[in-house]
Amino acid sequence: QVQLEESGGGPVQVGGSLKLSCVASGFTFGNFDMS
């Protein structure tokens, strides 16, 4: 059961910064190229 859970987004002003995360499960994450 593959799951991908994104987080970290939200409202931000022009010029600002955000860091997104994606937690993966259900497969061998380290064996795959990601995007």
PDB file of all heavy atoms in Angstrom:
ATOM      1  N   GLN A   1       0.844  -1.180   0.000  1.00  0.00           N
ATOM      2  CA  GLN A   1       0.000   0.000   0.000  1.00  0.00           C
ATOM      3  C   GLN A   1       0.889   1.244   0.000  1.00  0.00           C
ATOM      4  O   GLN A   1       1.362   1.690   1.051  1.00  0.00           O
ATOM      5  CB  GLN A   1      -0.933   0.004   1.210  1.00  0.00           C
ATOM      6  CG  GLN A   1      -1.927   1.141   1.190  1.00  0.00           C
ATOM      7  CD  GLN A   1      -2.879   1.098   2.372  1.00  0.00           C
ATOM      8  OE1 GLN A   1      -2.880   0.151   3.154  1.00  0.00           O
ATOM      9  NE2 GLN A   1      -3.687   2.126   2.506  1.00  0.00           N
ATOM     10  N   VAL A   2       1.082   1.799  -1.164  1.00  0.00           N
ATOM     11  CA  VAL A   2       1.926   2.974  -1.308  1.00  0.00           C
ATOM     12  C   VAL A   2       1.183   4.208  -0.811  1.00  0.00           C
ATOM     13  O   VAL A   2       0.018   4.429  -1.157  1.00  0.00           O
ATOM     14  CB  VAL A   2       2.345   3.170  -2.766  1.00  0.00           C
ATOM     15  CG1 VAL A   2       3.097   4.480  -2.939  1.00  0.00           C
ATOM     16  CG2 VAL A   2       3.200   1.997  -3.219  1.00  0.00           C
ATOM     17  N   GLN A   3       1.875   5.000  -0.002  1.00  0.00           N
ATOM     18  CA  GLN A   3       1.326   6.259   0.469  1.00  0.00           C
ATOM     19  C   GLN A   3       2.368   7.356   0.367  1.00  0.00           C
ATOM     20  O   GLN A   3       3.541   7.147   0.678  1.00  0.00           O
ATOM     21  CB  GLN A   3       0.848   6.160   1.916  1.00  0.00           C
ATOM     22  CG  GLN A   3      -0.510   5.518   2.081  1.00  0.00           C
ATOM     23  CD  GLN A   3      -1.051   5.697   3.478  1.00  0.00           C
ATOM     24  OE1 GLN A   3      -0.581   5.053   4.417  1.00  0.00           O
ATOM     25  NE2 GLN A   3      -2.029   6.586   3.623  1.00  0.00           N
ATOM     26  N   LEU A   4       1.932   8.519  -0.073  1.00  0.00           N
ATOM     27  CA  LEU A   4       2.757   9.710  -0.143  1.00  0.00           C
ATOM     28  C   LEU A   4       1.991  10.834   0.530  1.00  0.00           C
ATOM     29  O   LEU A   4       0.873  11.152   0.121  1.00  0.00           O
ATOM     30  CB  LEU A   4       3.066  10.075  -1.594  1.00  0.00           C
ATOM     31  CG  LEU A   4       3.831   9.018  -2.402  1.00  0.00           C
ATOM     32  CD1 LEU A   4       3.823   9.372  -3.881  1.00  0.00           C
ATOM     33  CD2 LEU A   4       5.265   8.903  -1.894  1.00  0.00           C
ATOM     34  N   GLU A   5       2.583  11.415   1.553  1.00  0.00           N
ATOM     35  CA  GLU A   5       1.903  12.431   2.335  1.00  0.00           C
ATOM     36  C   GLU A   5       2.710  13.724   2.320  1.00  0.00           C
ATOM     37  O   GLU A   5       3.742  13.826   2.982  1.00  0.00           O
ATOM     38  CB  GLU A   5       1.677  11.951   3.762  1.00  0.00           C
ATOM     39  CG  GLU A   5       0.852  12.899   4.606  1.00  0.00           C
ATOM     40  CD  GLU A   5       0.536  12.336   5.973  1.00  0.00           C
ATOM     41  OE1 GLU A   5       1.075  11.276   6.327  1.00  0.00           O
ATOM     42  OE2 GLU A   5      -0.272  12.958   6.693  1.00  0.00           O
ATOM     43  N   GLU A   6       2.208  14.700   1.601  1.00  0.00           N
ATOM     44  CA  GLU A   6       2.866  15.995   1.496  1.00  0.00           C
ATOM     45  C   GLU A   6       2.425  16.921   2.627  1.00  0.00           C
ATOM     46  O   GLU A   6       1.281  16.864   3.074  1.00  0.00           O
ATOM     47  CB  GLU A   6       2.550  16.658   0.153  1.00  0.00           C
ATOM     48  CG  GLU A   6       2.995  15.856  -1.066  1.00  0.00           C
ATOM     49  CD  GLU A   6       1.925  14.923  -1.598  1.00  0.00           C
ATOM     50  OE1 GLU A   6       0.910  14.706  -0.901  1.00  0.00           O
ATOM     51  OE2 GLU A   6       2.091  14.417  -2.725  1.00  0.00           O
ATOM     52  N   SER A   7       3.329  17.797   3.040  1.00  0.00           N
ATOM     53  CA  SER A   7       3.017  18.778   4.063  1.00  0.00           C
ATOM     54  C   SER A   7       3.975  19.958   3.933  1.00  0.00           C
ATOM     55  O   SER A   7       4.955  19.900   3.209  1.00  0.00           O
ATOM     56  CB  SER A   7       3.116  18.169   5.466  1.00  0.00           C
ATOM     57  OG  SER A   7       4.439  17.747   5.746  1.00  0.00           O
ATOM     58  N   GLY A   8       3.677  21.019   4.659  1.00  0.00           N
ATOM     59  CA  GLY A   8       4.564  22.160   4.720  1.00  0.00           C
ATOM     60  C   GLY A   8       4.120  23.376   3.933  1.00  0.00           C
ATOM     61  O   GLY A   8       4.724  24.449   4.055  1.00  0.00           O
ATOM     62  N   GLY A   9       3.085  23.230   3.129  1.00  0.00           N
ATOM     63  CA  GLY A   9       2.607  24.349   2.346  1.00  0.00           C
ATOM     64  C   GLY A   9       1.814  25.333   3.184  1.00  0.00           C
ATOM     65  O   GLY A   9       1.627  25.157   4.384  1.00  0.00           O
ATOM     66  N   GLY A  10       1.365  26.390   2.528  1.00  0.00           N
ATOM     67  CA  GLY A  10       0.589  27.400   3.199  1.00  0.00           C
ATOM     68  C   GLY A  10       0.691  28.720   2.473  1.00  0.00           C
ATOM     69  O   GLY A  10       1.290  28.804   1.395  1.00  0.00           O
ATOM     70  N   PRO A  11       0.120  29.755   3.048  1.00  0.00           N
ATOM     71  CA  PRO A  11       0.220  31.087   2.446  1.00  0.00           C
ATOM     72  C   PRO A  11       1.577  31.718   2.733  1.00  0.00           C
ATOM     73  O   PRO A  11       2.122  31.566   3.825  1.00  0.00           O
ATOM     74  CB  PRO A  11      -0.903  31.857   3.135  1.00  0.00           C
ATOM     75  CG  PRO A  11      -1.036  31.211   4.472  1.00  0.00           C
ATOM     76  CD  PRO A  11      -0.725  29.746   4.258  1.00  0.00           C
ATOM     77  N   VAL A  12       2.098  32.417   1.757  1.00  0.00           N
ATOM     78  CA  VAL A  12       3.386  33.073   1.900  1.00  0.00           C
ATOM     79  C   VAL A  12       3.419  34.277   0.975  1.00  0.00           C
ATOM     80  O   VAL A  12       2.770  34.288  -0.073  1.00  0.00           O
ATOM     81  CB  VAL A  12       4.539  32.090   1.584  1.00  0.00           C
ATOM     82  CG1 VAL A  12       4.472  31.631   0.135  1.00  0.00           C
ATOM     83  CG2 VAL A  12       5.893  32.704   1.908  1.00  0.00           C
ATOM     84  N   GLN A  13       4.148  35.298   1.365  1.00  0.00           N
ATOM     85  CA  GLN A  13       4.267  36.482   0.535  1.00  0.00           C
ATOM     86  C   GLN A  13       5.344  36.312  -0.529  1.00  0.00           C
ATOM     87  O   GLN A  13       6.251  35.491  -0.399  1.00  0.00           O
ATOM     88  CB  GLN A  13       4.584  37.706   1.396  1.00  0.00           C
ATOM     89  CG  GLN A  13       3.463  38.095   2.344  1.00  0.00           C
ATOM     90  CD  GLN A  13       3.743  39.379   3.090  1.00  0.00           C
ATOM     91  OE1 GLN A  13       4.641  40.143   2.743  1.00  0.00           O
ATOM     92  NE2 GLN A  13       2.963  39.631   4.125  1.00  0.00           N
ATOM     93  N   VAL A  14       5.215  37.089  -1.583  1.00  0.00           N
ATOM     94  CA  VAL A  14       6.235  37.097  -2.632  1.00  0.00           C
ATOM     95  C   VAL A  14       7.599  37.353  -2.004  1.00  0.00           C
ATOM     96  O   VAL A  14       7.767  38.247  -1.171  1.00  0.00           O
ATOM     97  CB  VAL A  14       5.919  38.166  -3.684  1.00  0.00           C
ATOM     98  CG1 VAL A  14       7.088  38.357  -4.630  1.00  0.00           C
ATOM     99  CG2 VAL A  14       4.666  37.800  -4.456  1.00  0.00           C
ATOM    100  N   GLY A  15       8.574  36.546  -2.407  1.00  0.00           N
ATOM    101  CA  GLY A  15       9.914  36.665  -1.871  1.00  0.00           C
ATOM    102  C   GLY A  15      10.174  35.814  -0.652  1.00  0.00           C
ATOM    103  O   GLY A  15      11.329  35.696  -0.216  1.00  0.00           O
ATOM    104  N   GLY A  16       9.140  35.211  -0.113  1.00  0.00           N
ATOM    105  CA  GLY A  16       9.273  34.385   1.069  1.00  0.00           C
ATOM    106  C   GLY A  16       9.730  32.978   0.762  1.00  0.00           C
ATOM    107  O   GLY A  16      10.030  32.630  -0.382  1.00  0.00           O
ATOM    108  N   SER A  17       9.760  32.159   1.798  1.00  0.00           N
ATOM    109  CA  SER A  17      10.257  30.795   1.687  1.00  0.00           C
ATOM    110  C   SER A  17       9.318  29.808   2.358  1.00  0.00           C
ATOM    111  O   SER A  17       8.608  30.146   3.310  1.00  0.00           O
ATOM    112  CB  SER A  17      11.643  30.666   2.330  1.00  0.00           C
ATOM    113  OG  SER A  17      12.603  31.478   1.682  1.00  0.00           O
ATOM    114  N   LEU A  18       9.328  28.598   1.853  1.00  0.00           N
ATOM    115  CA  LEU A  18       8.627  27.477   2.449  1.00  0.00           C
ATOM    116  C   LEU A  18       9.446  26.220   2.218  1.00  0.00           C
ATOM    117  O   LEU A  18      10.199  26.134   1.244  1.00  0.00           O
ATOM    118  CB  LEU A  18       7.237  27.273   1.836  1.00  0.00           C
ATOM    119  CG  LEU A  18       6.115  28.235   2.204  1.00  0.00           C
ATOM    120  CD1 LEU A  18       4.888  27.936   1.349  1.00  0.00           C
ATOM    121  CD2 LEU A  18       5.769  28.123   3.675  1.00  0.00           C
ATOM    122  N   LYS A  19       9.270  25.253   3.095  1.00  0.00           N
ATOM    123  CA  LYS A  19       9.896  23.955   2.898  1.00  0.00           C
ATOM    124  C   LYS A  19       8.823  22.877   2.950  1.00  0.00           C
ATOM    125  O   LYS A  19       8.144  22.714   3.955  1.00  0.00           O
ATOM    126  CB  LYS A  19      10.964  23.676   3.954  1.00  0.00           C
ATOM    127  CG  LYS A  19      11.768  22.411   3.672  1.00  0.00           C
ATOM    128  CD  LYS A  19      12.937  22.260   4.630  1.00  0.00           C
ATOM    129  CE  LYS A  19      13.801  21.064   4.270  1.00  0.00           C
ATOM    130  NZ  LYS A  19      14.981  20.946   5.173  1.00  0.00           N
ATOM    131  N   LEU A  20       8.695  22.153   1.857  1.00  0.00           N
ATOM    132  CA  LEU A  20       7.736  21.068   1.763  1.00  0.00           C
ATOM    133  C   LEU A  20       8.390  19.746   2.131  1.00  0.00           C
ATOM    134  O   LEU A  20       9.578  19.541   1.898  1.00  0.00           O
ATOM    135  CB  LEU A  20       7.167  20.969   0.349  1.00  0.00           C
ATOM    136  CG  LEU A  20       6.520  22.222  -0.236  1.00  0.00           C
ATOM    137  CD1 LEU A  20       5.988  21.931  -1.631  1.00  0.00           C
ATOM    138  CD2 LEU A  20       5.414  22.734   0.674  1.00  0.00           C
ATOM    139  N   SER A  21       7.587  18.861   2.687  1.00  0.00           N
ATOM    140  CA  SER A  21       8.041  17.521   3.010  1.00  0.00           C
ATOM    141  C   SER A  21       7.077  16.509   2.423  1.00  0.00           C
ATOM    142  O   SER A  21       5.895  16.787   2.249  1.00  0.00           O
ATOM    143  CB  SER A  21       8.128  17.317   4.522  1.00  0.00           C
ATOM    144  OG  SER A  21       9.060  18.195   5.115  1.00  0.00           O
ATOM    145  N   CYS A  22       7.592  15.347   2.126  1.00  0.00           N
ATOM    146  CA  CYS A  22       6.774  14.244   1.651  1.00  0.00           C
ATOM    147  C   CYS A  22       7.266  12.974   2.320  1.00  0.00           C
ATOM    148  O   CYS A  22       8.405  12.556   2.102  1.00  0.00           O
ATOM    149  CB  CYS A  22       6.864  14.122   0.129  1.00  0.00           C
ATOM    150  SG  CYS A  22       6.092  12.636  -0.547  1.00  0.00           S
ATOM    151  N   VAL A  23       6.417  12.386   3.132  1.00  0.00           N
ATOM    152  CA  VAL A  23       6.747  11.142   3.806  1.00  0.00           C
ATOM    153  C   VAL A  23       6.170   9.983   3.004  1.00  0.00           C
ATOM    154  O   VAL A  23       4.977   9.966   2.707  1.00  0.00           O
ATOM    155  CB  VAL A  23       6.209  11.123   5.242  1.00  0.00           C
ATOM    156  CG1 VAL A  23       6.532   9.788   5.903  1.00  0.00           C
ATOM    157  CG2 VAL A  23       6.804  12.268   6.045  1.00  0.00           C
ATOM    158  N   ALA A  24       7.026   9.038   2.669  1.00  0.00           N
ATOM    159  CA  ALA A  24       6.636   7.917   1.828  1.00  0.00           C
ATOM    160  C   ALA A  24       6.564   6.630   2.633  1.00  0.00           C
ATOM    161  O   ALA A  24       7.337   6.416   3.568  1.00  0.00           O
ATOM    162  CB  ALA A  24       7.623   7.744   0.677  1.00  0.00           C
ATOM    163  N   SER A  25       5.649   5.764   2.244  1.00  0.00           N
ATOM    164  CA  SER A  25       5.536   4.456   2.868  1.00  0.00           C
ATOM    165  C   SER A  25       4.972   3.466   1.861  1.00  0.00           C
ATOM    166  O   SER A  25       4.404   3.850   0.848  1.00  0.00           O
ATOM    167  CB  SER A  25       4.657   4.511   4.120  1.00  0.00           C
ATOM    168  OG  SER A  25       3.339   4.926   3.797  1.00  0.00           O
ATOM    169  N   GLY A  26       5.156   2.192   2.150  1.00  0.00           N
ATOM    170  CA  GLY A  26       4.601   1.157   1.300  1.00  0.00           C
ATOM    171  C   GLY A  26       5.489   0.707   0.158  1.00  0.00           C
ATOM    172  O   GLY A  26       5.084  -0.133  -0.642  1.00  0.00           O
ATOM    173  N   PHE A  27       6.685   1.254   0.065  1.00  0.00           N
ATOM    174  CA  PHE A  27       7.653   0.829  -0.943  1.00  0.00           C
ATOM    175  C   PHE A  27       9.050   1.165  -0.465  1.00  0.00           C
ATOM    176  O   PHE A  27       9.221   1.902   0.512  1.00  0.00           O
ATOM    177  CB  PHE A  27       7.348   1.459  -2.306  1.00  0.00           C
ATOM    178  CG  PHE A  27       7.542   2.951  -2.360  1.00  0.00           C
ATOM    179  CD1 PHE A  27       8.665   3.497  -2.963  1.00  0.00           C
ATOM    180  CD2 PHE A  27       6.601   3.810  -1.828  1.00  0.00           C
ATOM    181  CE1 PHE A  27       8.841   4.871  -3.029  1.00  0.00           C
ATOM    182  CE2 PHE A  27       6.768   5.183  -1.883  1.00  0.00           C
ATOM    183  CZ  PHE A  27       7.891   5.718  -2.490  1.00  0.00           C
ATOM    184  N   THR A  28      10.040   0.627  -1.148  1.00  0.00           N
ATOM    185  CA  THR A  28      11.424   0.872  -0.762  1.00  0.00           C
ATOM    186  C   THR A  28      11.846   2.235  -1.292  1.00  0.00           C
ATOM    187  O   THR A  28      12.383   2.362  -2.398  1.00  0.00           O
ATOM    188  CB  THR A  28      12.336  -0.233  -1.297  1.00  0.00           C
ATOM    189  OG1 THR A  28      11.814  -1.508  -0.912  1.00  0.00           O
ATOM    190  CG2 THR A  28      13.739  -0.094  -0.711  1.00  0.00           C
ATOM    191  N   PHE A  29      11.616   3.234  -0.491  1.00  0.00           N
ATOM    192  CA  PHE A  29      11.819   4.629  -0.883  1.00  0.00           C
ATOM    193  C   PHE A  29      13.222   4.869  -1.423  1.00  0.00           C
ATOM    194  O   PHE A  29      13.404   5.568  -2.425  1.00  0.00           O
ATOM    195  CB  PHE A  29      11.539   5.526   0.331  1.00  0.00           C
ATOM    196  CG  PHE A  29      11.772   6.983   0.095  1.00  0.00           C
ATOM    197  CD1 PHE A  29      10.885   7.734  -0.652  1.00  0.00           C
ATOM    198  CD2 PHE A  29      12.882   7.615   0.640  1.00  0.00           C
ATOM    199  CE1 PHE A  29      11.091   9.084  -0.860  1.00  0.00           C
ATOM    200  CE2 PHE A  29      13.100   8.967   0.441  1.00  0.00           C
ATOM    201  CZ  PHE A  29      12.203   9.703  -0.314  1.00  0.00           C
ATOM    202  N   GLY A  30      14.223   4.297  -0.767  1.00  0.00           N
ATOM    203  CA  GLY A  30      15.607   4.533  -1.149  1.00  0.00           C
ATOM    204  C   GLY A  30      16.010   3.954  -2.493  1.00  0.00           C
ATOM    205  O   GLY A  30      17.108   4.255  -2.969  1.00  0.00           O
ATOM    206  N   ASN A  31      15.161   3.164  -3.106  1.00  0.00           N
ATOM    207  CA  ASN A  31      15.461   2.568  -4.403  1.00  0.00           C
ATOM    208  C   ASN A  31      14.900   3.361  -5.581  1.00  0.00           C
ATOM    209  O   ASN A  31      15.127   2.986  -6.724  1.00  0.00           O
ATOM    210  CB  ASN A  31      14.914   1.139  -4.474  1.00  0.00           C
ATOM    211  CG  ASN A  31      15.710   0.171  -3.624  1.00  0.00           C
ATOM    212  OD1 ASN A  31      16.790   0.511  -3.117  1.00  0.00           O
ATOM    213  ND2 ASN A  31      15.190  -1.029  -3.464  1.00  0.00           N
ATOM    214  N   PHE A  32      14.190   4.440  -5.310  1.00  0.00           N
ATOM    215  CA  PHE A  32      13.488   5.161  -6.360  1.00  0.00           C
ATOM    216  C   PHE A  32      13.957   6.595  -6.516  1.00  0.00           C
ATOM    217  O   PHE A  32      14.158   7.308  -5.524  1.00  0.00           O
ATOM    218  CB  PHE A  32      11.980   5.164  -6.084  1.00  0.00           C
ATOM    219  CG  PHE A  32      11.329   3.835  -6.298  1.00  0.00           C
ATOM    220  CD1 PHE A  32      11.343   2.872  -5.309  1.00  0.00           C
ATOM    221  CD2 PHE A  32      10.699   3.552  -7.499  1.00  0.00           C
ATOM    222  CE1 PHE A  32      10.751   1.640  -5.500  1.00  0.00           C
ATOM    223  CE2 PHE A  32      10.092   2.319  -7.700  1.00  0.00           C
ATOM    224  CZ  PHE A  32      10.124   1.372  -6.709  1.00  0.00           C
ATOM    225  N   ASP A  33      14.121   7.005  -7.760  1.00  0.00           N
ATOM    226  CA  ASP A  33      14.247   8.420  -8.059  1.00  0.00           C
ATOM    227  C   ASP A  33      12.914   9.091  -7.729  1.00  0.00           C
ATOM    228  O   ASP A  33      11.852   8.520  -7.978  1.00  0.00           O
ATOM    229  CB  ASP A  33      14.570   8.650  -9.532  1.00  0.00           C
ATOM    230  CG  ASP A  33      15.905   8.070  -9.942  1.00  0.00           C
ATOM    231  OD1 ASP A  33      16.660   7.598  -9.069  1.00  0.00           O
ATOM    232  OD2 ASP A  33      16.202   8.097 -11.157  1.00  0.00           O
ATOM    233  N   MET A  34      12.975  10.291  -7.196  1.00  0.00           N
ATOM    234  CA  MET A  34      11.765  10.982  -6.784  1.00  0.00           C
ATOM    235  C   MET A  34      11.689  12.369  -7.417  1.00  0.00           C
ATOM    236  O   MET A  34      12.679  12.903  -7.912  1.00  0.00           O
ATOM    237  CB  MET A  34      11.710  11.109  -5.261  1.00  0.00           C
ATOM    238  CG  MET A  34      11.637   9.783  -4.518  1.00  0.00           C
ATOM    239  SD  MET A  34      10.116   8.848  -4.860  1.00  0.00           S
ATOM    240  CE  MET A  34       8.879   9.919  -4.108  1.00  0.00           C
ATOM    241  N   SER A  35      10.502  12.940  -7.369  1.00  0.00           N
ATOM    242  CA  SER A  35      10.291  14.241  -7.989  1.00  0.00           C
ATOM    243  C   SER A  35       9.212  15.020  -7.261  1.00  0.00           C
ATOM    244  O   SER A  35       8.449  14.476  -6.463  1.00  0.00           O
ATOM    245  CB  SER A  35       9.903  14.090  -9.465  1.00  0.00           C
ATOM    246  OG  SER A  35       8.632  13.479  -9.605  1.00  0.00           O
TER     247      SER A  35
END
